[in-house]
C-alpha cells in the first residue's frame, strides 16, 4: 500500500515513499502530539489529514525541532534501533552513484541516515507551510 499526501485545496501532492511517510508520521507525532492528534489515521490512506491551521502549526513545530537539534538526536536513536533490528535501509549502506553499488564504510551509515531524515523533514515542512491542509490518500 502506498500513500499520496495531497494538498486539500489544490490537489498538489507531496511525493514521498512508504518508508519515509511512515518515518515522517512517526516523527511528527513524536514532536507535536497535540497537533497531530487531529489526524487519527496517519498510516492508512482513507483521506484523514490536517486542516490548514493544523498543518502550519505542525510545520512550525517541526522547524523548531530542526533548529534546536532535536531531530538529530531522534535520527541517531532511530538509526540505533534500526541497526539492532537489522533493518537499516539500503540507501544508507550503499553508494548508489556507483555501478555496481559500493558498500559504504560503517562509520558513514549513521551520518547518511541522519542527513536523509533531516532532508525529508525539511521537504515536509515546506509542503506544510504551503498547503491548505492535506489528506492521506
Protein backbone atom coordinates (compact mmCIF):
# COMPACT_ATOMS: atom_id res chain seq x y z
CA UNK A 1 0.00 0.00 0.00
CA UNK A 2 1.36 3.38 -0.97
CA UNK A 3 0.45 6.86 0.22
CA UNK A 4 -0.45 10.03 -1.63
CA UNK A 5 -0.21 13.14 0.54
CA UNK A 6 -2.45 15.67 -1.20
CA UNK A 7 -2.98 19.40 -0.60
CA UNK A 8 -6.66 19.65 0.30
CA UNK A 9 -7.34 22.73 -1.86
CA UNK A 10 -5.10 22.41 -4.90
CA UNK A 11 -4.59 18.64 -5.17
CA UNK A 12 -0.82 19.24 -5.33
CA UNK A 13 1.00 16.22 -3.97
CA UNK A 14 3.84 15.75 -1.54
CA UNK A 15 5.85 12.99 -3.20
CA UNK A 16 7.06 10.51 -0.60
CA UNK A 17 7.67 6.78 -0.50
CA UNK A 18 6.10 4.45 2.04
CA UNK A 19 9.27 4.18 4.15
CA UNK A 20 9.68 7.93 4.51
CA UNK A 21 5.98 8.61 5.03
CA UNK A 22 5.82 6.24 7.99
CA UNK A 23 9.03 7.75 9.39
CA UNK A 24 7.72 11.32 8.90
CA UNK A 25 4.41 10.41 10.53
CA UNK A 26 6.19 8.82 13.50
CA UNK A 27 8.45 11.85 13.92
CA UNK A 28 5.60 14.34 13.54
CA UNK A 29 3.57 12.52 16.18
CA UNK A 30 6.60 12.48 18.49
CA UNK A 31 7.37 16.20 18.10
CA UNK A 32 3.84 17.62 18.06
CA UNK A 33 1.42 15.15 19.68
CA UNK A 34 -1.28 17.73 20.40
CA UNK A 35 -1.32 18.97 16.79
CA UNK A 36 -1.05 15.56 15.15
CA UNK A 37 -3.84 14.10 17.31
CA UNK A 38 -6.31 15.77 14.93
CA UNK A 39 -5.37 13.12 12.35
CA UNK A 40 -6.31 9.70 13.65
CA UNK A 41 -5.14 7.59 10.71
CA UNK A 42 -1.58 8.54 9.77
CA UNK A 43 -0.79 5.05 8.47
CA UNK A 44 -3.79 4.42 6.25
CA UNK A 45 -4.88 6.07 3.05
CA UNK A 46 -8.50 6.75 3.95
CA UNK A 47 -8.49 10.54 3.48
CA UNK A 48 -7.68 11.61 7.03
CA UNK A 49 -5.26 14.52 7.46
CA UNK A 50 -4.87 18.00 8.91
CA UNK A 51 -6.56 21.29 8.07
CA UNK A 52 -4.53 24.34 7.01
CA UNK A 53 -4.08 25.75 10.52
CA UNK A 54 -3.02 22.38 11.93
CA UNK A 55 -0.61 21.78 9.03
CA UNK A 56 1.03 25.18 9.55
CA UNK A 57 1.34 24.53 13.31
CA UNK A 58 2.93 21.15 12.60
CA UNK A 59 5.34 22.81 10.16
CA UNK A 60 6.35 25.31 12.84
CA UNK A 61 6.91 22.58 15.45
CA UNK A 62 8.97 20.51 13.01
CA UNK A 63 11.05 23.57 12.10
CA UNK A 64 11.76 24.23 15.78
CA UNK A 65 12.97 20.64 16.11
CA UNK A 66 15.38 21.18 13.21
CA UNK A 67 16.57 24.50 14.63
CA UNK A 68 17.24 23.17 18.12
CA UNK A 69 18.78 19.86 17.02
CA UNK A 70 16.14 17.51 18.42
CA UNK A 71 15.81 15.93 15.00
CA UNK A 72 19.48 14.88 15.05
CA UNK A 73 19.04 13.16 18.42
CA UNK A 74 15.88 11.42 17.22
CA UNK A 75 17.52 10.28 13.97
CA UNK A 76 20.55 8.85 15.79
CA UNK A 77 18.34 6.96 18.21
CA UNK A 78 16.21 5.63 15.37
CA UNK A 79 19.34 4.57 13.50
CA UNK A 80 20.47 2.64 16.59
CA UNK A 81 17.13 0.82 16.73
CA UNK A 82 17.29 0.02 13.01
CA UNK A 83 20.80 -1.39 13.46
CA UNK A 84 19.67 -3.64 16.31
CA UNK A 85 16.72 -4.82 14.23
CA UNK A 86 18.95 -5.24 11.18
CA UNK A 87 16.59 -3.11 9.15
CA UNK A 88 18.82 -0.23 8.05
CA UNK A 89 17.62 0.90 4.60
CA UNK A 90 19.87 0.09 1.64
CA UNK A 91 20.34 3.76 0.69
CA UNK A 92 22.26 4.20 3.94
CA UNK A 93 24.57 1.26 3.35
CA UNK A 94 25.40 1.67 -0.33
CA UNK A 95 26.61 4.44 -2.61
CA UNK A 96 24.04 4.21 -5.41
CA UNK A 97 26.06 6.52 -7.68
CA UNK A 98 28.49 3.67 -8.39
CA UNK A 99 27.63 0.66 -10.50
CA UNK A 100 27.51 -1.81 -9.06
CA UNK A 101 26.62 -0.01 -5.82
CA UNK A 102 29.58 0.23 -3.45
CA UNK A 103 29.09 -0.54 0.22
CA UNK A 104 29.92 2.46 2.35
CA UNK A 105 32.15 2.21 5.42
CA UNK A 106 30.11 1.58 8.60
CA UNK A 107 31.05 4.96 10.10
CA UNK A 108 29.26 6.74 7.23
CA UNK A 109 25.93 4.94 7.67
CA UNK A 110 24.63 6.92 10.64
CA UNK A 111 25.51 10.32 9.18
CA UNK A 112 23.88 9.43 5.87
CA UNK A 113 20.70 8.31 7.63
CA UNK A 114 20.56 11.45 9.78
CA UNK A 115 21.10 13.67 6.73
CA UNK A 116 18.36 11.91 4.77
CA UNK A 117 15.86 12.16 7.62
CA UNK A 118 16.58 15.86 8.12
CA UNK A 119 16.20 16.42 4.37
CA UNK A 120 12.84 14.63 4.25
CA UNK A 121 11.56 16.56 7.28
CA UNK A 122 12.62 19.85 5.66
CA UNK A 123 10.76 18.92 2.47
CA UNK A 124 7.69 18.09 4.55
CA UNK A 125 7.96 21.44 6.39
CA UNK A 126 7.94 23.29 3.06
CA UNK A 127 4.84 21.37 2.00
CA UNK A 128 3.07 22.03 5.32
CA UNK A 129 3.64 25.79 5.13
CA UNK A 130 2.50 25.93 1.50
CA UNK A 131 -0.56 23.68 1.74
CA UNK A 132 -4.16 24.38 2.68
CA UNK A 133 -4.30 21.24 4.76
CA UNK A 134 -3.66 17.74 3.49
CA UNK A 135 -5.27 14.37 3.09
CA UNK A 136 -3.60 10.98 3.18
CA UNK A 137 -4.88 9.02 0.18
